[in-house]
PDB file of N, CA and C in Angstrom:
ATOM      1  N   UNK A   1    -180.119-323.639 -15.624  1.00  0.00           N
ATOM      2  CA  UNK A   1    -178.803-323.047 -15.467  1.00  0.00           C
ATOM      3  C   UNK A   1    -178.555-322.026 -16.585  1.00  0.00           C
ATOM      4  N   UNK A   2    -178.984-322.405 -17.792  1.00  0.00           N
ATOM      5  CA  UNK A   2    -178.814-321.500 -18.929  1.00  0.00           C
ATOM      6  C   UNK A   2    -179.523-320.176 -18.671  1.00  0.00           C
ATOM      7  N   UNK A   3    -180.770-320.261 -18.199  1.00  0.00           N
ATOM      8  CA  UNK A   3    -181.560-319.056 -17.948  1.00  0.00           C
ATOM      9  C   UNK A   3    -180.858-318.134 -16.954  1.00  0.00           C
ATOM     10  N   UNK A   4    -180.298-318.689 -15.892  1.00  0.00           N
ATOM     11  CA  UNK A   4    -179.671-317.872 -14.846  1.00  0.00           C
ATOM     12  C   UNK A   4    -178.297-317.334 -15.268  1.00  0.00           C
ATOM     13  N   UNK A   5    -177.673-318.004 -16.198  1.00  0.00           N
ATOM     14  CA  UNK A   5    -176.331-317.589 -16.601  1.00  0.00           C
ATOM     15  C   UNK A   5    -176.339-316.659 -17.805  1.00  0.00           C
ATOM     16  N   UNK A   6    -177.143-317.006 -18.795  1.00  0.00           N
ATOM     17  CA  UNK A   6    -177.046-316.301 -20.074  1.00  0.00           C
ATOM     18  C   UNK A   6    -178.306-315.535 -20.441  1.00  0.00           C
ATOM     19  N   UNK A   7    -179.438-316.218 -20.473  1.00  0.00           N
ATOM     20  CA  UNK A   7    -180.655-315.625 -21.021  1.00  0.00           C
ATOM     21  C   UNK A   7    -181.202-314.497 -20.161  1.00  0.00           C
ATOM     22  N   UNK A   8    -181.097-314.629 -18.877  1.00  0.00           N
ATOM     23  CA  UNK A   8    -181.614-313.618 -17.961  1.00  0.00           C
ATOM     24  C   UNK A   8    -180.750-312.367 -18.048  1.00  0.00           C
ATOM     25  N   UNK A   9    -181.388-311.201 -18.196  1.00  0.00           N
ATOM     26  CA  UNK A   9    -180.651-309.940 -18.276  1.00  0.00           C
ATOM     27  C   UNK A   9    -179.893-309.607 -17.003  1.00  0.00           C
ATOM     28  N   UNK A  10    -180.175-310.335 -15.933  1.00  0.00           N
ATOM     29  CA  UNK A  10    -179.481-310.124 -14.661  1.00  0.00           C
ATOM     30  C   UNK A  10    -178.652-311.346 -14.285  1.00  0.00           C
ATOM     31  N   UNK A  11    -178.392-312.220 -15.252  1.00  0.00           N
ATOM     32  CA  UNK A  11    -177.631-313.447 -15.003  1.00  0.00           C
ATOM     33  C   UNK A  11    -176.155-313.160 -14.783  1.00  0.00           C
ATOM     34  N   UNK A  12    -175.416-314.219 -14.605  1.00  0.00           N
ATOM     35  CA  UNK A  12    -173.989-314.118 -14.279  1.00  0.00           C
ATOM     36  C   UNK A  12    -173.199-313.373 -15.351  1.00  0.00           C
ATOM     37  N   UNK A  13    -173.458-313.683 -16.618  1.00  0.00           N
ATOM     38  CA  UNK A  13    -172.695-312.999 -17.676  1.00  0.00           C
ATOM     39  C   UNK A  13    -173.077-311.529 -17.776  1.00  0.00           C
ATOM     40  N   UNK A  14    -174.345-311.223 -17.564  1.00  0.00           N
ATOM     41  CA  UNK A  14    -174.770-309.815 -17.581  1.00  0.00           C
ATOM     42  C   UNK A  14    -174.115-309.053 -16.438  1.00  0.00           C
ATOM     43  N   UNK A  15    -174.018-309.686 -15.290  1.00  0.00           N
ATOM     44  CA  UNK A  15    -173.366-309.034 -14.146  1.00  0.00           C
ATOM     45  C   UNK A  15    -171.875-308.845 -14.395  1.00  0.00           C
ATOM     46  N   UNK A  16    -171.239-309.849 -15.000  1.00  0.00           N
ATOM     47  CA  UNK A  16    -169.823-309.710 -15.332  1.00  0.00           C
ATOM     48  C   UNK A  16    -169.626-308.586 -16.345  1.00  0.00           C
ATOM     49  N   UNK A  17    -170.505-308.509 -17.312  1.00  0.00           N
ATOM     50  CA  UNK A  17    -170.433-307.438 -18.315  1.00  0.00           C
ATOM     51  C   UNK A  17    -170.539-306.073 -17.633  1.00  0.00           C
ATOM     52  N   UNK A  18    -171.497-305.942 -16.735  1.00  0.00           N
ATOM     53  CA  UNK A  18    -171.683-304.677 -16.017  1.00  0.00           C
ATOM     54  C   UNK A  18    -170.448-304.343 -15.170  1.00  0.00           C
ATOM     55  N   UNK A  19    -169.869-305.361 -14.524  1.00  0.00           N
ATOM     56  CA  UNK A  19    -168.667-305.138 -13.723  1.00  0.00           C
ATOM     57  C   UNK A  19    -167.514-304.636 -14.594  1.00  0.00           C
ATOM     58  N   UNK A  20    -167.274-305.301 -15.732  1.00  0.00           N
ATOM     59  CA  UNK A  20    -166.177-304.900 -16.617  1.00  0.00           C
ATOM     60  C   UNK A  20    -166.389-303.486 -17.156  1.00  0.00           C
ATOM     61  N   UNK A  21    -167.613-303.187 -17.501  1.00  0.00           N
ATOM     62  CA  UNK A  21    -167.922-301.854 -18.013  1.00  0.00           C
ATOM     63  C   UNK A  21    -167.690-300.787 -16.934  1.00  0.00           C
ATOM     64  N   UNK A  22    -168.145-301.059 -15.719  1.00  0.00           N
ATOM     65  CA  UNK A  22    -167.948-300.119 -14.604  1.00  0.00           C
ATOM     66  C   UNK A  22    -166.466-299.945 -14.295  1.00  0.00           C
ATOM     67  N   UNK A  23    -165.729-301.052 -14.310  1.00  0.00           N
ATOM     68  CA  UNK A  23    -164.291-300.984 -14.029  1.00  0.00           C
ATOM     69  C   UNK A  23    -163.577-300.182 -15.116  1.00  0.00           C
ATOM     70  N   UNK A  24    -163.969-300.365 -16.367  1.00  0.00           N
ATOM     71  CA  UNK A  24    -163.370-299.611 -17.475  1.00  0.00           C
ATOM     72  C   UNK A  24    -163.641-298.119 -17.308  1.00  0.00           C
ATOM     73  N   UNK A  25    -164.871-297.786 -16.960  1.00  0.00           N
ATOM     74  CA  UNK A  25    -165.218-296.366 -16.736  1.00  0.00           C
ATOM     75  C   UNK A  25    -164.452-295.787 -15.549  1.00  0.00           C
ATOM     76  N   UNK A  26    -164.312-296.562 -14.494  1.00  0.00           N
ATOM     77  CA  UNK A  26    -163.581-296.109 -13.306  1.00  0.00           C
ATOM     78  C   UNK A  26    -162.127-295.817 -13.676  1.00  0.00           C
ATOM     79  N   UNK A  27    -161.500-296.750 -14.419  1.00  0.00           N
ATOM     80  CA  UNK A  27    -160.112-296.561 -14.838  1.00  0.00           C
ATOM     81  C   UNK A  27    -159.977-295.341 -15.758  1.00  0.00           C
ATOM     82  N   UNK A  28    -160.921-295.189 -16.671  1.00  0.00           N
ATOM     83  CA  UNK A  28    -160.883-294.065 -17.601  1.00  0.00           C
ATOM     84  C   UNK A  28    -160.978-292.728 -16.853  1.00  0.00           C
ATOM     85  N   UNK A  29    -161.898-292.670 -15.869  1.00  0.00           N
ATOM     86  CA  UNK A  29    -162.074-291.431 -15.094  1.00  0.00           C
ATOM     87  C   UNK A  29    -160.824-291.067 -14.293  1.00  0.00           C
ATOM     88  N   UNK A  30    -159.990-292.026 -13.963  1.00  0.00           N
ATOM     89  CA  UNK A  30    -158.790-291.779 -13.172  1.00  0.00           C
ATOM     90  C   UNK A  30    -157.522-291.715 -14.024  1.00  0.00           C
ATOM     91  N   UNK A  31    -157.702-291.746 -15.321  1.00  0.00           N
ATOM     92  CA  UNK A  31    -156.544-291.559 -16.202  1.00  0.00           C
ATOM     93  C   UNK A  31    -155.794-292.837 -16.543  1.00  0.00           C
ATOM     94  N   UNK A  32    -156.277-294.005 -16.111  1.00  0.00           N
ATOM     95  CA  UNK A  32    -155.618-295.276 -16.441  1.00  0.00           C
ATOM     96  C   UNK A  32    -156.199-295.777 -17.764  1.00  0.00           C
ATOM     97  N   UNK A  33    -155.784-295.072 -18.828  1.00  0.00           N
ATOM     98  CA  UNK A  33    -156.379-295.328 -20.135  1.00  0.00           C
ATOM     99  C   UNK A  33    -156.039-296.707 -20.693  1.00  0.00           C
ATOM    100  N   UNK A  34    -154.832-297.211 -20.438  1.00  0.00           N
ATOM    101  CA  UNK A  34    -154.458-298.547 -20.919  1.00  0.00           C
ATOM    102  C   UNK A  34    -155.351-299.625 -20.275  1.00  0.00           C
ATOM    103  N   UNK A  35    -155.533-299.510 -18.953  1.00  0.00           N
ATOM    104  CA  UNK A  35    -156.388-300.472 -18.244  1.00  0.00           C
ATOM    105  C   UNK A  35    -157.835-300.343 -18.702  1.00  0.00           C
ATOM    106  N   UNK A  36    -158.294-299.122 -18.906  1.00  0.00           N
ATOM    107  CA  UNK A  36    -159.663-298.900 -19.379  1.00  0.00           C
ATOM    108  C   UNK A  36    -159.861-299.529 -20.755  1.00  0.00           C
ATOM    109  N   UNK A  37    -158.876-299.371 -21.625  1.00  0.00           N
ATOM    110  CA  UNK A  37    -158.945-299.952 -22.970  1.00  0.00           C
ATOM    111  C   UNK A  37    -158.985-301.475 -22.919  1.00  0.00           C
ATOM    112  N   UNK A  38    -158.167-302.047 -22.045  1.00  0.00           N
ATOM    113  CA  UNK A  38    -158.137-303.513 -21.898  1.00  0.00           C
ATOM    114  C   UNK A  38    -159.480-304.030 -21.385  1.00  0.00           C
ATOM    115  N   UNK A  39    -160.035-303.337 -20.394  1.00  0.00           N
ATOM    116  CA  UNK A  39    -161.326-303.750 -19.846  1.00  0.00           C
ATOM    117  C   UNK A  39    -162.444-303.603 -20.886  1.00  0.00           C
ATOM    118  N   UNK A  40    -162.382-302.554 -21.695  1.00  0.00           N
ATOM    119  CA  UNK A  40    -163.368-302.380 -22.772  1.00  0.00           C
ATOM    120  C   UNK A  40    -163.246-303.503 -23.802  1.00  0.00           C
ATOM    121  N   UNK A  41    -162.006-303.930 -24.047  1.00  0.00           N
ATOM    122  CA  UNK A  41    -161.778-305.042 -24.971  1.00  0.00           C
ATOM    123  C   UNK A  41    -162.418-306.328 -24.428  1.00  0.00           C
ATOM    124  N   UNK A  42    -162.258-306.572 -23.135  1.00  0.00           N
ATOM    125  CA  UNK A  42    -162.868-307.756 -22.499  1.00  0.00           C
ATOM    126  C   UNK A  42    -164.394-307.672 -22.565  1.00  0.00           C
ATOM    127  N   UNK A  43    -164.911-306.456 -22.401  1.00  0.00           N
ATOM    128  CA  UNK A  43    -166.359-306.258 -22.475  1.00  0.00           C
ATOM    129  C   UNK A  43    -166.863-306.620 -23.878  1.00  0.00           C
ATOM    130  N   UNK A  44    -166.123-306.216 -24.897  1.00  0.00           N
ATOM    131  CA  UNK A  44    -166.510-306.538 -26.277  1.00  0.00           C
ATOM    132  C   UNK A  44    -166.460-308.041 -26.525  1.00  0.00           C
ATOM    133  N   UNK A  45    -165.427-308.698 -26.026  1.00  0.00           N
ATOM    134  CA  UNK A  45    -165.317-310.158 -26.176  1.00  0.00           C
ATOM    135  C   UNK A  45    -166.466-310.863 -25.458  1.00  0.00           C
ATOM    136  N   UNK A  46    -166.819-310.346 -24.283  1.00  0.00           N
ATOM    137  CA  UNK A  46    -167.925-310.922 -23.527  1.00  0.00           C
ATOM    138  C   UNK A  46    -169.246-310.743 -24.281  1.00  0.00           C
ATOM    139  N   UNK A  47    -169.427-309.597 -24.927  1.00  0.00           N
ATOM    140  CA  UNK A  47    -170.627-309.379 -25.748  1.00  0.00           C
ATOM    141  C   UNK A  47    -170.742-310.458 -26.828  1.00  0.00           C
ATOM    142  N   UNK A  48    -169.634-310.743 -27.490  1.00  0.00           N
ATOM    143  CA  UNK A  48    -169.619-311.773 -28.534  1.00  0.00           C
ATOM    144  C   UNK A  48    -169.941-313.147 -27.946  1.00  0.00           C
ATOM    145  N   UNK A  49    -169.370-313.440 -26.796  1.00  0.00           N
ATOM    146  CA  UNK A  49    -169.627-314.715 -26.132  1.00  0.00           C
ATOM    147  C   UNK A  49    -171.107-314.857 -25.776  1.00  0.00           C
ATOM    148  N   UNK A  50    -171.691-313.795 -25.257  1.00  0.00           N
ATOM    149  CA  UNK A  50    -173.116-313.824 -24.889  1.00  0.00           C
ATOM    150  C   UNK A  50    -173.981-314.037 -26.126  1.00  0.00           C
ATOM    151  N   UNK A  51    -173.657-313.353 -27.218  1.00  0.00           N
ATOM    152  CA  UNK A  51    -174.419-313.525 -28.461  1.00  0.00           C
ATOM    153  C   UNK A  51    -174.337-314.968 -28.954  1.00  0.00           C
ATOM    154  N   UNK A  52    -173.138-315.542 -28.939  1.00  0.00           N
ATOM    155  CA  UNK A  52    -172.974-316.935 -29.370  1.00  0.00           C
ATOM    156  C   UNK A  52    -173.718-317.884 -28.436  1.00  0.00           C
ATOM    157  N   UNK A  53    -173.627-317.616 -27.142  1.00  0.00           N
ATOM    158  CA  UNK A  53    -174.274-318.490 -26.165  1.00  0.00           C
ATOM    159  C   UNK A  53    -175.789-318.432 -26.275  1.00  0.00           C
ATOM    160  N   UNK A  54    -176.341-317.307 -26.707  1.00  0.00           N
ATOM    161  CA  UNK A  54    -177.788-317.196 -26.859  1.00  0.00           C
ATOM    162  C   UNK A  54    -178.295-318.033 -28.033  1.00  0.00           C
ATOM    163  N   UNK A  55    -177.433-318.349 -28.962  1.00  0.00           N
ATOM    164  CA  UNK A  55    -177.803-319.218 -30.079  1.00  0.00           C
ATOM    165  C   UNK A  55    -177.718-320.692 -29.695  1.00  0.00           C
ATOM    166  N   UNK A  56    -177.073-320.974 -28.603  1.00  0.00           N
ATOM    167  CA  UNK A  56    -176.848-322.352 -28.180  1.00  0.00           C
ATOM    168  C   UNK A  56    -178.130-323.159 -28.012  1.00  0.00           C
ATOM    169  N   UNK A  57    -179.153-322.670 -27.311  1.00  0.00           N
ATOM    170  CA  UNK A  57    -180.360-323.493 -27.146  1.00  0.00           C
ATOM    171  C   UNK A  57    -180.996-323.895 -28.471  1.00  0.00           C
ATOM    172  N   UNK A  58    -180.986-322.994 -29.447  1.00  0.00           N
ATOM    173  CA  UNK A  58    -181.564-323.321 -30.751  1.00  0.00           C
ATOM    174  C   UNK A  58    -180.761-324.420 -31.436  1.00  0.00           C
ATOM    175  N   UNK A  59    -179.433-324.309 -31.410  1.00  0.00           N
ATOM    176  CA  UNK A  59    -178.613-325.319 -32.074  1.00  0.00           C
ATOM    177  C   UNK A  59    -178.694-326.654 -31.341  1.00  0.00           C
ATOM    178  N   UNK A  60    -178.816-326.618 -30.004  1.00  0.00           N
ATOM    179  CA  UNK A  60    -178.979-327.856 -29.250  1.00  0.00           C
ATOM    180  C   UNK A  60    -180.319-328.512 -29.554  1.00  0.00           C
ATOM    181  N   UNK A  61    -181.353-327.713 -29.706  1.00  0.00           N
ATOM    182  CA  UNK A  61    -182.673-328.253 -30.026  1.00  0.00           C
ATOM    183  C   UNK A  61    -182.652-328.912 -31.401  1.00  0.00           C
ATOM    184  N   UNK A  62    -181.990-328.279 -32.355  1.00  0.00           N
ATOM    185  CA  UNK A  62    -181.892-328.844 -33.701  1.00  0.00           C
ATOM    186  C   UNK A  62    -181.109-330.147 -33.651  1.00  0.00           C
ATOM    187  N   UNK A  63    -179.980-330.152 -32.942  1.00  0.00           N
ATOM    188  CA  UNK A  63    -179.168-331.366 -32.839  1.00  0.00           C
ATOM    189  C   UNK A  63    -179.927-332.472 -32.121  1.00  0.00           C
ATOM    190  N   UNK A  64    -180.645-332.120 -31.067  1.00  0.00           N
ATOM    191  CA  UNK A  64    -181.418-333.101 -30.318  1.00  0.00           C
ATOM    192  C   UNK A  64    -182.498-333.715 -31.194  1.00  0.00           C
ATOM    193  N   UNK A  65    -183.197-332.906 -31.968  1.00  0.00           N
ATOM    194  CA  UNK A  65    -184.231-333.413 -32.868  1.00  0.00           C
ATOM    195  C   UNK A  65    -183.621-334.318 -33.924  1.00  0.00           C
ATOM    196  N   UNK A  66    -182.460-333.953 -34.449  1.00  0.00           N
ATOM    197  CA  UNK A  66    -181.784-334.769 -35.451  1.00  0.00           C
ATOM    198  C   UNK A  66    -181.400-336.119 -34.863  1.00  0.00           C
ATOM    199  N   UNK A  67    -180.834-336.105 -33.647  1.00  0.00           N
ATOM    200  CA  UNK A  67    -180.434-337.362 -33.001  1.00  0.00           C
ATOM    201  C   UNK A  67    -181.648-338.246 -32.717  1.00  0.00           C
ATOM    202  N   UNK A  68    -182.733-337.638 -32.286  1.00  0.00           N
ATOM    203  CA  UNK A  68    -183.951-338.393 -31.991  1.00  0.00           C
ATOM    204  C   UNK A  68    -184.498-339.051 -33.257  1.00  0.00           C
ATOM    205  N   UNK A  69    -184.525-338.303 -34.348  1.00  0.00           N
ATOM    206  CA  UNK A  69    -185.003-338.839 -35.618  1.00  0.00           C
ATOM    207  C   UNK A  69    -184.087-339.952 -36.094  1.00  0.00           C
ATOM    208  N   UNK A  70    -182.797-339.758 -35.970  1.00  0.00           N
ATOM    209  CA  UNK A  70    -181.834-340.756 -36.398  1.00  0.00           C
ATOM    210  C   UNK A  70    -181.971-342.033 -35.565  1.00  0.00           C
ATOM    211  N   UNK A  71    -182.151-341.885 -34.255  1.00  0.00           N
ATOM    212  CA  UNK A  71    -182.307-343.048 -33.371  1.00  0.00           C
ATOM    213  C   UNK A  71    -183.583-343.800 -33.725  1.00  0.00           C
ATOM    214  N   UNK A  72    -184.651-343.079 -34.025  1.00  0.00           N
ATOM    215  CA  UNK A  72    -185.926-343.720 -34.393  1.00  0.00           C
ATOM    216  C   UNK A  72    -185.773-344.489 -35.694  1.00  0.00           C
ATOM    217  N   UNK A  73    -185.043-343.928 -36.652  1.00  0.00           N
ATOM    218  CA  UNK A  73    -184.815-344.634 -37.921  1.00  0.00           C
ATOM    219  C   UNK A  73    -184.063-345.934 -37.683  1.00  0.00           C
ATOM    220  N   UNK A  74    -183.052-345.891 -36.818  1.00  0.00           N
ATOM    221  CA  UNK A  74    -182.294-347.107 -36.517  1.00  0.00           C
ATOM    222  C   UNK A  74    -183.180-348.139 -35.834  1.00  0.00           C
ATOM    223  N   UNK A  75    -184.027-347.675 -34.918  1.00  0.00           N
ATOM    224  CA  UNK A  75    -184.930-348.572 -34.192  1.00  0.00           C
ATOM    225  C   UNK A  75    -185.888-349.267 -35.164  1.00  0.00           C
ATOM    226  N   UNK A  76    -186.429-348.509 -36.097  1.00  0.00           N
ATOM    227  CA  UNK A  76    -187.354-349.073 -37.076  1.00  0.00           C
ATOM    228  C   UNK A  76    -186.618-350.057 -37.979  1.00  0.00           C
ATOM    229  N   UNK A  77    -185.399-349.742 -38.342  1.00  0.00           N
ATOM    230  CA  UNK A  77    -184.627-350.611 -39.222  1.00  0.00           C
ATOM    231  C   UNK A  77    -184.305-351.949 -38.553  1.00  0.00           C
ATOM    232  N   UNK A  78    -184.184-351.959 -37.242  1.00  0.00           N
ATOM    233  CA  UNK A  78    -183.842-353.189 -36.521  1.00  0.00           C
ATOM    234  C   UNK A  78    -185.058-354.053 -36.203  1.00  0.00           C
ATOM    235  N   UNK A  79    -186.268-353.534 -36.378  1.00  0.00           N
ATOM    236  CA  UNK A  79    -187.459-354.316 -36.086  1.00  0.00           C
ATOM    237  C   UNK A  79    -187.631-355.400 -37.143  1.00  0.00           C
ATOM    238  N   UNK A  80    -188.087-356.598 -36.715  1.00  0.00           N
ATOM    239  CA  UNK A  80    -188.281-357.668 -37.699  1.00  0.00           C
ATOM    240  C   UNK A  80    -189.421-357.314 -38.648  1.00  0.00           C
ATOM    241  N   UNK A  81    -189.259-357.741 -39.880  1.00  0.00           N
ATOM    242  CA  UNK A  81    -190.263-357.472 -40.901  1.00  0.00           C
ATOM    243  C   UNK A  81    -191.285-358.598 -40.852  1.00  0.00           C
ATOM    244  N   UNK A  82    -192.561-358.284 -40.721  1.00  0.00           N
ATOM    245  CA  UNK A  82    -193.568-359.344 -40.680  1.00  0.00           C
ATOM    246  C   UNK A  82    -193.637-360.062 -42.026  1.00  0.00           C
ATOM    247  N   UNK A  83    -193.744-361.387 -41.985  1.00  0.00           N
ATOM    248  CA  UNK A  83    -193.846-362.178 -43.206  1.00  0.00           C
ATOM    249  C   UNK A  83    -195.106-363.011 -43.135  1.00  0.00           C
ATOM    250  N   UNK A  84    -195.567-363.477 -44.279  1.00  0.00           N
ATOM    251  CA  UNK A  84    -196.760-364.320 -44.318  1.00  0.00           C
ATOM    252  C   UNK A  84    -196.434-365.658 -43.686  1.00  0.00           C
ATOM    253  N   UNK A  85    -197.337-366.168 -42.862  1.00  0.00           N
ATOM    254  CA  UNK A  85    -197.127-367.447 -42.196  1.00  0.00           C
ATOM    255  C   UNK A  85    -197.393-368.571 -43.181  1.00  0.00           C
ATOM    256  N   UNK A  86    -196.580-369.605 -43.137  1.00  0.00           N
ATOM    257  CA  UNK A  86    -196.761-370.749 -44.020  1.00  0.00           C
ATOM    258  C   UNK A  86    -197.574-371.846 -43.347  1.00  0.00           C
ATOM    259  N   UNK A  87    -197.840-371.723 -42.065  1.00  0.00           N
ATOM    260  CA  UNK A  87    -198.636-372.726 -41.369  1.00  0.00           C
ATOM    261  C   UNK A  87    -200.047-372.209 -41.198  1.00  0.00           C
ATOM    262  N   UNK A  88    -200.986-373.163 -41.164  1.00  0.00           N
ATOM    263  CA  UNK A  88    -202.392-372.808 -40.990  1.00  0.00           C
ATOM    264  C   UNK A  88    -202.599-372.431 -39.528  1.00  0.00           C
ATOM    265  N   UNK A  89    -203.233-371.306 -39.278  1.00  0.00           N
ATOM    266  CA  UNK A  89    -203.434-370.913 -37.884  1.00  0.00           C
ATOM    267  C   UNK A  89    -204.381-371.875 -37.187  1.00  0.00           C
ATOM    268  N   UNK A  90    -204.116-372.111 -35.910  1.00  0.00           N
ATOM    269  CA  UNK A  90    -204.961-372.997 -35.121  1.00  0.00           C
ATOM    270  C   UNK A  90    -206.295-372.314 -34.893  1.00  0.00           C
ATOM    271  N   UNK A  91    -207.359-373.126 -34.913  1.00  0.00           N
ATOM    272  CA  UNK A  91    -208.671-372.534 -34.675  1.00  0.00           C
ATOM    273  C   UNK A  91    -208.784-372.161 -33.209  1.00  0.00           C
ATOM    274  N   UNK A  92    -209.446-371.089 -32.966  1.00  0.00           N
ATOM    275  CA  UNK A  92    -209.606-370.592 -31.609  1.00  0.00           C
ATOM    276  C   UNK A  92    -211.023-370.907 -31.177  1.00  0.00           C
ATOM    277  N   UNK A  93    -211.150-371.575 -30.045  1.00  0.00           N
ATOM    278  CA  UNK A  93    -212.452-371.945 -29.533  1.00  0.00           C
ATOM    279  C   UNK A  93    -212.691-371.161 -28.259  1.00  0.00           C
ATOM    280  N   UNK A  94    -213.890-370.591 -28.111  1.00  0.00           N
ATOM    281  CA  UNK A  94    -214.174-369.869 -26.875  1.00  0.00           C
ATOM    282  C   UNK A  94    -214.047-370.790 -25.673  1.00  0.00           C
ATOM    283  N   UNK A  95    -213.694-370.221 -24.528  1.00  0.00           N
ATOM    284  CA  UNK A  95    -213.475-371.011 -23.322  1.00  0.00           C
ATOM    285  C   UNK A  95    -214.740-371.709 -22.857  1.00  0.00           C
ATOM    286  N   UNK A  96    -215.908-371.139 -23.131  1.00  0.00           N
ATOM    287  CA  UNK A  96    -217.141-371.763 -22.649  1.00  0.00           C
ATOM    288  C   UNK A  96    -217.780-372.695 -23.681  1.00  0.00           C
ATOM    289  N   UNK A  97    -217.140-372.939 -24.807  1.00  0.00           N
ATOM    290  CA  UNK A  97    -217.678-373.835 -25.828  1.00  0.00           C
ATOM    291  C   UNK A  97    -217.566-375.277 -25.346  1.00  0.00           C
ATOM    292  N   UNK A  98    -218.560-376.115 -25.687  1.00  0.00           N
ATOM    293  CA  UNK A  98    -218.491-377.529 -25.253  1.00  0.00           C
ATOM    294  C   UNK A  98    -217.330-378.227 -25.940  1.00  0.00           C
ATOM    295  N   UNK A  99    -216.684-379.083 -25.190  1.00  0.00           N
ATOM    296  CA  UNK A  99    -215.548-379.839 -25.731  1.00  0.00           C
ATOM    297  C   UNK A  99    -216.058-381.176 -26.274  1.00  0.00           C
ATOM    298  N   UNK A 100    -215.473-381.588 -27.354  1.00  0.00           N
ATOM    299  CA  UNK A 100    -215.841-382.887 -27.921  1.00  0.00           C
ATOM    300  C   UNK A 100    -215.229-383.981 -27.061  1.00  0.00           C
ATOM    301  N   UNK A 101    -215.972-385.076 -26.866  1.00  0.00           N
ATOM    302  CA  UNK A 101    -215.457-386.192 -26.071  1.00  0.00           C
ATOM    303  C   UNK A 101    -214.445-386.954 -26.900  1.00  0.00           C
ATOM    304  N   UNK A 102    -213.380-387.317 -26.247  1.00  0.00           N
ATOM    305  CA  UNK A 102    -212.381-388.133 -26.929  1.00  0.00           C
ATOM    306  C   UNK A 102    -212.924-389.540 -27.056  1.00  0.00           C
ATOM    307  N   UNK A 103    -212.637-390.168 -28.159  1.00  0.00           N
ATOM    308  CA  UNK A 103    -213.097-391.548 -28.378  1.00  0.00           C
ATOM    309  C   UNK A 103    -212.357-392.474 -27.430  1.00  0.00           C
ATOM    310  N   UNK A 104    -213.076-393.411 -26.861  1.00  0.00           N
ATOM    311  CA  UNK A 104    -212.460-394.384 -25.950  1.00  0.00           C
ATOM    312  C   UNK A 104    -211.623-395.352 -26.756  1.00  0.00           C
ATOM    313  N   UNK A 105    -210.522-395.823 -26.172  1.00  0.00           N
ATOM    314  CA  UNK A 105    -209.701-396.803 -26.904  1.00  0.00           C
ATOM    315  C   UNK A 105    -210.562-398.028 -27.239  1.00  0.00           C
ATOM    316  N   UNK A 106    -210.215-398.721 -28.308  1.00  0.00           N
ATOM    317  CA  UNK A 106    -211.023-399.834 -28.798  1.00  0.00           C
ATOM    318  C   UNK A 106    -211.144-400.967 -27.786  1.00  0.00           C
ATOM    319  N   UNK A 107    -210.169-401.189 -26.951  1.00  0.00           N
ATOM    320  CA  UNK A 107    -210.221-402.251 -25.966  1.00  0.00           C
ATOM    321  C   UNK A 107    -211.188-401.926 -24.842  1.00  0.00           C
ATOM    322  N   UNK A 108    -211.490-400.664 -24.616  1.00  0.00           N
ATOM    323  CA  UNK A 108    -212.327-400.276 -23.505  1.00  0.00           C
ATOM    324  C   UNK A 108    -213.787-400.095 -23.948  1.00  0.00           C
ATOM    325  N   UNK A 109    -214.024-400.056 -25.203  1.00  0.00           N
ATOM    326  CA  UNK A 109    -215.373-399.824 -25.700  1.00  0.00           C
ATOM    327  C   UNK A 109    -216.341-400.895 -25.235  1.00  0.00           C
ATOM    328  N   UNK A 110    -217.508-400.519 -24.945  1.00  0.00           N
ATOM    329  CA  UNK A 110    -218.534-401.471 -24.516  1.00  0.00           C
ATOM    330  C   UNK A 110    -219.253-402.033 -25.737  1.00  0.00           C
ATOM    331  N   UNK A 111    -219.670-403.279 -25.576  1.00  0.00           N
ATOM    332  CA  UNK A 111    -220.384-403.912 -26.679  1.00  0.00           C
ATOM    333  C   UNK A 111    -221.809-403.896 -26.459  1.00  0.00           C
TER     334      UNK A 111
END
């Protein structure tokens, strides 16, 4: 939308600028100097608006980058801090390793 409205030399604001300029010239050629002056004033204001609007993408990019960095800092700050474990880790045995037989209860043992 920005490209079609502002950045493009044939966008909506450029067309409005051309219209105001043509209307000012038309009024001037017919002796309506007050109207021509007013239209020229609008053309100048539109020039300023276009210049300011052309800076908009840069300022939005800077603000977006700042917000992204700030959000990432908050995300990192909320992550739990890893601490040393106080329990001994359980030994890991491969799935195909032989299992030790459990000892039979003393009443079931054979003599």
